Amino acid sequence: MGAFADLKPILVVALGGNALIKKGQAGTIDEQFANLRLPVRQIARLSRHWRLIITHGNGPQVGNLLLQQECCDQVPKLPLEILVAQTEGQIGYMIESSLDEALMEMDIAYRPLITLITYVVVNDNDPAFAAPDKPIGPVFSEMEVAALPYPTMKTAKGWRRVVASPDPVTIVEKREIRQLMEMDFIVICCGGGGIPVIRHGRAFEGVDAVIDKDLASARLALEVGADMLLIVTDVAGAMRDYGAPGETLLRRIGVPEARRHLAAGHFPPGSMGPKVAACIRFMEGGGLRAAITSLETVLEAVGDSGVGTQFTRNSIE
């Protein structure tokens, strides 16, 4: 198996939170399993020709856990790092079981799968810690906010807790993941961007923060020597003038143009911005291919059809 795996390139597929919960849904387990079938069946087909790493978001799931904590005072409240770990296990199980079912539909009797609880080193001097701006958890009234022990921000939904979103420095389990790749395992890891930790000598300390899963996926892809990074979301790809009457899907874009469009504000920081930034980092770090595509077009984006937004290292304008 290892010799065969060496012949196959490595693909990192980063699934957005919408792969499990779509807009307007309640987010029941039945809905989440049903939503997973479409991307997972495509990923199963890719496994014939690629060694696969699957990463995923966890925004709705970790938000639900925070909401449950606020509704119950009978058990001790858990720190954010533990809740992220819980969602890594929860969503990893759902992806793993859905993928196993899809492989059986293809008459593949056995393909090793594993979900890996992953933590990611961040810098304790990262500027994000001085200005936390990532809303998480439930909405509070203005009266409730005064008594809360953590920073809050007024958002479109109301007052919410905010945490830092520091840059990922390195994936702690990168060596183990590389070894699993050599054995042709399909690895599910870096859920929700991974558990953020600060290094103290040989020890690690969890911190109250969230890591963008696309930036973490790009860092992981570089550290394991992946050939391609594919970011899967709920739109066709990166758009110029998104939301405006003249919005345009960028089908092919060079890294220099992507940087200019990012600086010009064409890619919102809370949605497409980190996805484009992740593709830029991967390509500049030595990656061969990067793309952003929809849940419906995973196979086509990896193939030669040029679906989605395909990144090139050099300018194409």
Protein backbone atom coordinates (compact mmCIF):
# COMPACT_ATOMS: atom_id res chain seq x y z
CA MET A 1 0.00 0.00 0.00
CA GLY A 2 2.80 2.42 0.87
CA ALA A 3 4.54 1.96 -2.50
CA PHE A 4 1.26 2.61 -4.32
CA ALA A 5 0.58 5.69 -2.20
CA ASP A 6 3.95 7.14 -3.24
CA LEU A 7 2.72 7.27 -6.84
CA LYS A 8 -0.33 9.38 -5.98
CA PRO A 9 -0.26 13.13 -5.39
CA ILE A 10 -1.62 14.64 -2.17
CA LEU A 11 -4.82 16.70 -2.16
CA VAL A 12 -6.05 18.76 0.79
CA VAL A 13 -9.82 19.36 0.66
CA ALA A 14 -11.06 22.10 3.00
CA LEU A 15 -14.83 21.76 3.54
CA GLY A 16 -16.74 24.84 4.63
CA GLY A 17 -19.26 24.74 7.46
CA ASN A 18 -22.02 24.84 4.84
CA ALA A 19 -21.04 21.29 3.86
CA LEU A 20 -22.91 20.21 6.99
CA ILE A 21 -25.46 22.96 7.69
CA LYS A 22 -27.02 25.00 4.90
CA LYS A 23 -28.53 28.46 5.29
CA GLY A 24 -32.00 28.32 6.74
CA GLN A 25 -31.62 24.84 8.22
CA ALA A 26 -32.00 23.99 11.90
CA GLY A 27 -28.84 21.90 11.77
CA THR A 28 -30.24 18.56 12.92
CA ILE A 29 -27.96 15.54 12.69
CA ASP A 30 -30.14 14.10 9.92
CA GLU A 31 -29.74 17.32 7.92
CA GLN A 32 -25.98 17.33 8.44
CA PHE A 33 -25.54 13.73 7.30
CA ALA A 34 -27.75 14.40 4.25
CA ASN A 35 -25.73 17.51 3.34
CA LEU A 36 -22.45 15.61 3.57
CA ARG A 37 -23.42 13.05 0.94
CA LEU A 38 -22.84 15.33 -2.05
CA PRO A 39 -19.24 16.43 -1.33
CA VAL A 40 -18.23 13.15 0.31
CA ARG A 41 -19.29 11.02 -2.67
CA GLN A 42 -17.12 13.20 -4.90
CA ILE A 43 -14.20 12.97 -2.48
CA ALA A 44 -14.57 9.17 -2.43
CA ARG A 45 -14.12 9.12 -6.21
CA LEU A 46 -11.04 11.32 -5.93
CA SER A 47 -9.47 8.80 -3.54
CA ARG A 48 -8.70 6.47 -6.47
CA HIS A 49 -6.10 8.89 -7.78
CA TRP A 50 -5.14 11.08 -4.80
CA ARG A 51 -3.91 10.71 -1.27
CA LEU A 52 -6.45 12.74 0.69
CA ILE A 53 -6.53 15.05 3.67
CA ILE A 54 -9.92 16.50 4.62
CA THR A 55 -10.22 19.59 6.82
CA HIS A 56 -13.47 21.25 7.83
CA GLY A 57 -15.13 24.17 9.53
CA ASN A 58 -17.01 23.99 12.82
CA GLY A 59 -18.67 27.39 13.26
CA PRO A 60 -22.28 26.29 13.70
CA GLN A 61 -21.35 23.28 15.83
CA VAL A 62 -19.05 25.05 18.28
CA GLY A 63 -21.56 27.91 18.44
CA ASN A 64 -24.26 25.45 19.46
CA LEU A 65 -22.04 24.08 22.22
CA LEU A 66 -21.43 27.59 23.54
CA LEU A 67 -25.17 28.27 23.45
CA GLN A 68 -25.84 25.05 25.39
CA GLN A 69 -23.32 26.13 28.02
CA GLU A 70 -25.05 29.47 28.49
CA CYS A 71 -28.37 27.66 29.02
CA CYS A 72 -27.10 25.37 31.78
CA ASP A 73 -25.43 26.19 35.08
CA GLN A 74 -25.59 22.66 36.53
CA VAL A 75 -22.24 21.54 35.07
CA PRO A 76 -18.91 23.41 34.82
CA LYS A 77 -18.47 25.48 31.68
CA LEU A 78 -15.73 24.29 29.32
CA PRO A 79 -13.07 26.49 27.71
CA LEU A 80 -13.21 27.12 23.98
CA GLU A 81 -10.24 24.84 23.23
CA ILE A 82 -12.15 21.85 24.68
CA LEU A 83 -15.26 22.69 22.67
CA VAL A 84 -13.16 22.82 19.48
CA ALA A 85 -11.75 19.39 20.35
CA GLN A 86 -15.28 18.08 20.84
CA THR A 87 -16.37 19.32 17.42
CA GLU A 88 -13.27 17.80 15.81
CA GLY A 89 -14.38 14.42 17.10
CA GLN A 90 -18.07 14.97 16.29
CA ILE A 91 -17.62 16.18 12.70
CA GLY A 92 -14.75 13.79 12.06
CA TYR A 93 -17.02 10.90 12.95
CA MET A 94 -19.72 12.20 10.59
CA ILE A 95 -17.32 12.66 7.67
CA GLU A 96 -15.59 9.35 8.33
CA SER A 97 -18.80 7.32 8.47
CA SER A 98 -20.23 9.09 5.39
CA LEU A 99 -17.00 8.49 3.48
CA ASP A 100 -16.89 4.84 4.46
CA GLU A 101 -20.44 4.44 3.12
CA ALA A 102 -19.52 6.19 -0.15
CA LEU A 103 -16.47 3.96 -0.61
CA MET A 104 -18.59 0.85 -0.09
CA GLU A 105 -20.99 2.13 -2.78
CA MET A 106 -17.94 2.12 -5.10
CA ASP A 107 -17.17 -1.50 -4.14
CA ILE A 108 -14.02 -0.44 -2.30
CA ALA A 109 -14.08 -2.93 0.55
CA TYR A 110 -11.34 -1.31 2.60
CA ARG A 111 -9.61 2.06 2.64
CA PRO A 112 -8.00 3.19 5.90
CA LEU A 113 -9.63 6.31 7.37
CA ILE A 114 -8.71 8.22 10.50
CA THR A 115 -9.87 11.35 12.32
CA LEU A 116 -7.02 13.11 14.08
CA ILE A 117 -7.53 15.60 16.89
CA THR A 118 -5.20 18.35 15.77
CA TYR A 119 -3.69 21.32 17.55
CA VAL A 120 -2.05 24.26 15.92
CA VAL A 121 0.67 26.50 17.31
CA VAL A 122 -0.01 30.24 17.32
CA ASN A 123 2.26 33.09 18.40
CA ASP A 124 1.36 34.58 21.79
CA ASN A 125 2.54 37.96 20.40
CA ASP A 126 0.18 37.77 17.43
CA PRO A 127 -1.51 41.20 17.05
CA ALA A 128 -4.90 39.47 16.93
CA PHE A 129 -4.73 38.89 20.71
CA ALA A 130 -4.66 42.64 21.32
CA ALA A 131 -7.82 43.22 19.28
CA PRO A 132 -10.14 40.18 19.37
CA ASP A 133 -12.80 40.53 16.69
CA LYS A 134 -14.16 37.05 15.91
CA PRO A 135 -17.77 36.76 17.17
CA ILE A 136 -18.70 33.38 18.66
CA GLY A 137 -21.55 31.90 20.63
CA PRO A 138 -24.93 33.32 21.62
CA VAL A 139 -26.32 36.84 21.41
CA PHE A 140 -26.56 38.86 24.65
CA SER A 141 -28.58 41.85 25.70
CA GLU A 142 -26.80 45.09 26.59
CA MET A 143 -27.63 44.48 30.25
CA GLU A 144 -26.13 40.96 30.18
CA VAL A 145 -22.92 42.15 28.53
CA ALA A 146 -21.93 44.25 31.57
CA ALA A 147 -21.64 41.12 33.72
CA LEU A 148 -19.73 38.93 31.25
CA PRO A 149 -16.10 37.97 32.05
CA TYR A 150 -14.87 38.21 28.46
CA PRO A 151 -14.75 40.86 25.70
CA THR A 152 -17.83 41.45 23.54
CA MET A 153 -18.72 43.31 20.37
CA LYS A 154 -21.94 44.64 18.94
CA THR A 155 -22.68 42.76 15.70
CA ALA A 156 -25.58 42.74 13.24
CA LYS A 157 -27.19 40.06 15.42
CA GLY A 158 -26.55 41.89 18.70
CA TRP A 159 -23.88 41.74 21.41
CA ARG A 160 -21.65 38.68 21.17
CA ARG A 161 -18.48 37.36 22.72
CA VAL A 162 -15.34 37.94 20.63
CA VAL A 163 -12.05 36.06 20.58
CA ALA A 164 -8.80 36.48 18.70
CA SER A 165 -8.15 34.76 15.37
CA PRO A 166 -4.34 34.45 15.22
CA ASP A 167 -2.35 33.14 12.28
CA PRO A 168 -1.45 29.43 12.32
CA VAL A 169 2.32 28.96 12.75
CA THR A 170 2.64 25.18 12.47
CA ILE A 171 0.53 22.03 12.74
CA VAL A 172 1.77 19.99 15.71
CA GLU A 173 0.85 16.59 14.23
CA LYS A 174 2.34 17.24 10.77
CA ARG A 175 4.84 14.36 11.08
CA GLU A 176 2.14 11.87 12.02
CA ILE A 177 -0.02 13.10 9.14
CA ARG A 178 2.87 12.66 6.69
CA GLN A 179 3.38 9.08 7.90
CA LEU A 180 -0.34 8.35 7.49
CA MET A 181 -0.17 9.76 3.96
CA GLU A 182 2.66 7.36 3.15
CA MET A 183 0.34 4.50 4.16
CA ASP A 184 -2.47 5.88 1.96
CA PHE A 185 -4.77 6.76 4.88
CA ILE A 186 -7.51 9.31 4.27
CA VAL A 187 -6.90 11.74 7.13
CA ILE A 188 -9.57 14.06 8.59
CA CYS A 189 -7.87 16.75 10.68
CA CYS A 190 -7.55 20.46 11.54
CA GLY A 191 -11.28 20.63 12.27
CA GLY A 192 -12.39 24.22 12.82
CA GLY A 193 -8.82 25.33 12.14
CA GLY A 194 -7.47 23.08 14.89
CA ILE A 195 -7.06 23.67 18.61
CA PRO A 196 -4.99 26.84 19.10
CA VAL A 197 -2.04 26.38 21.45
CA ILE A 198 0.98 28.39 22.55
CA ARG A 199 4.29 26.60 22.95
CA HIS A 200 6.16 26.81 26.28
CA GLY A 201 9.36 24.83 25.79
CA ARG A 202 8.17 21.28 25.13
CA ALA A 203 4.72 21.94 26.58
CA PHE A 204 1.62 23.45 24.97
CA GLU A 205 -1.06 25.65 26.50
CA GLY A 206 -4.49 26.04 24.94
CA VAL A 207 -5.75 29.57 24.37
CA ASP A 208 -9.18 31.18 23.93
CA ALA A 209 -9.02 31.80 20.19
CA VAL A 210 -10.19 30.41 16.87
CA ILE A 211 -8.01 29.73 13.83
CA ASP A 212 -9.34 30.22 10.35
CA LYS A 213 -9.66 26.72 8.88
CA ASP A 214 -8.63 27.78 5.38
CA LEU A 215 -5.40 29.39 6.61
CA ALA A 216 -4.73 26.32 8.77
CA SER A 217 -5.41 24.09 5.76
CA ALA A 218 -2.89 26.02 3.65
CA ARG A 219 -0.27 25.73 6.40
CA LEU A 220 -0.93 22.00 6.72
CA ALA A 221 -0.83 21.51 2.94
CA LEU A 222 2.63 23.09 2.78
CA GLU A 223 3.94 21.17 5.78
CA VAL A 224 2.93 17.77 4.39
CA GLY A 225 4.02 18.53 0.84
CA ALA A 226 0.55 18.55 -0.74
CA ASP A 227 0.29 19.04 -4.48
CA MET A 228 -3.11 20.76 -4.44
CA LEU A 229 -5.31 22.74 -2.04
CA LEU A 230 -9.03 22.74 -2.79
CA ILE A 231 -11.33 25.02 -0.77
CA VAL A 232 -14.99 24.00 -1.00
CA THR A 233 -17.70 26.54 -0.19
CA ASP A 234 -21.29 27.53 -1.05
CA VAL A 235 -20.51 29.72 -4.09
CA ALA A 236 -19.00 28.98 -7.49
CA GLY A 237 -15.65 30.60 -6.62
CA ALA A 238 -14.03 33.94 -5.85
CA MET A 239 -15.97 36.92 -7.21
CA ARG A 240 -14.81 40.39 -8.13
CA ASP A 241 -17.33 43.02 -6.94
CA TYR A 242 -19.20 40.33 -4.97
CA GLY A 243 -22.80 41.30 -4.26
CA ALA A 244 -22.76 44.17 -6.75
CA PRO A 245 -24.72 44.14 -10.03
CA GLY A 246 -21.55 43.52 -12.03
CA GLU A 247 -20.07 40.75 -9.90
CA THR A 248 -17.75 38.50 -11.91
CA LEU A 249 -16.53 34.98 -11.22
CA LEU A 250 -12.75 34.87 -11.47
CA ARG A 251 -12.17 31.56 -13.25
CA ARG A 252 -8.38 31.84 -13.49
CA ILE A 253 -6.32 34.26 -11.48
CA GLY A 254 -2.62 34.76 -10.92
CA VAL A 255 -1.27 35.25 -7.41
CA PRO A 256 -0.23 38.88 -8.15
CA GLU A 257 -3.78 39.77 -9.27
CA ALA A 258 -5.27 37.90 -6.32
CA ARG A 259 -3.16 39.97 -3.96
CA ARG A 260 -4.30 43.21 -5.61
CA HIS A 261 -7.97 42.23 -5.51
CA LEU A 262 -7.63 41.17 -1.87
CA ALA A 263 -6.06 44.54 -0.94
CA ALA A 264 -8.79 46.36 -2.89
CA GLY A 265 -11.50 44.74 -0.76
CA HIS A 266 -13.09 42.52 -3.41
CA PHE A 267 -12.97 39.55 -1.03
CA PRO A 268 -14.72 40.21 2.33
CA PRO A 269 -12.59 39.38 5.39
CA GLY A 270 -15.28 37.26 7.02
CA SER A 271 -15.96 35.02 4.03
CA MET A 272 -13.95 34.86 0.79
CA GLY A 273 -10.94 36.85 2.04
CA PRO A 274 -9.31 34.06 4.09
CA LYS A 275 -9.97 31.55 1.29
CA VAL A 276 -8.13 33.66 -1.28
CA ALA A 277 -5.36 34.40 1.24
CA ALA A 278 -4.98 30.67 1.90
CA CYS A 279 -4.62 29.91 -1.82
CA ILE A 280 -2.06 32.72 -2.20
CA ARG A 281 0.00 31.39 0.71
CA PHE A 282 -0.09 27.84 -0.61
CA MET A 283 0.99 28.84 -4.11
CA GLU A 284 3.71 31.19 -2.87
CA GLY A 285 4.96 28.48 -0.52
CA GLY A 286 5.56 26.04 -3.37
CA GLY A 287 2.15 24.40 -3.92
CA LEU A 288 1.39 23.33 -7.47
CA ARG A 289 -2.37 24.00 -7.66
CA ALA A 290 -5.01 25.81 -5.62
CA ALA A 291 -8.71 26.30 -6.32
CA ILE A 292 -11.95 27.50 -4.74
CA THR A 293 -15.15 25.81 -5.83
CA SER A 294 -18.70 24.89 -4.82
CA LEU A 295 -19.97 21.79 -3.07
CA GLU A 296 -21.48 20.59 -6.35
CA THR A 297 -18.28 20.82 -8.42
CA VAL A 298 -15.53 19.20 -6.35
CA LEU A 299 -14.65 16.63 -9.01
CA GLU A 300 -14.64 19.14 -11.85
CA ALA A 301 -12.45 21.60 -9.96
CA VAL A 302 -9.77 18.96 -9.41
CA GLY A 303 -10.00 17.79 -13.02
CA ASP A 304 -9.02 19.66 -16.16
CA SER A 305 -12.30 21.51 -16.70
CA GLY A 306 -11.17 24.65 -14.91
CA VAL A 307 -14.34 24.91 -12.82
CA GLY A 308 -14.33 27.33 -9.88
CA THR A 309 -11.49 29.79 -9.33
CA GLN A 310 -8.15 28.29 -10.36
CA PHE A 311 -4.97 29.96 -9.08
CA THR A 312 -1.70 30.24 -10.99
CA ARG A 313 1.61 31.35 -9.55
CA ASN A 314 2.30 33.91 -12.28
CA SER A 315 0.20 36.79 -13.53
CA ILE A 316 -2.30 36.03 -16.29
CA GLU A 317 -3.45 39.60 -16.95
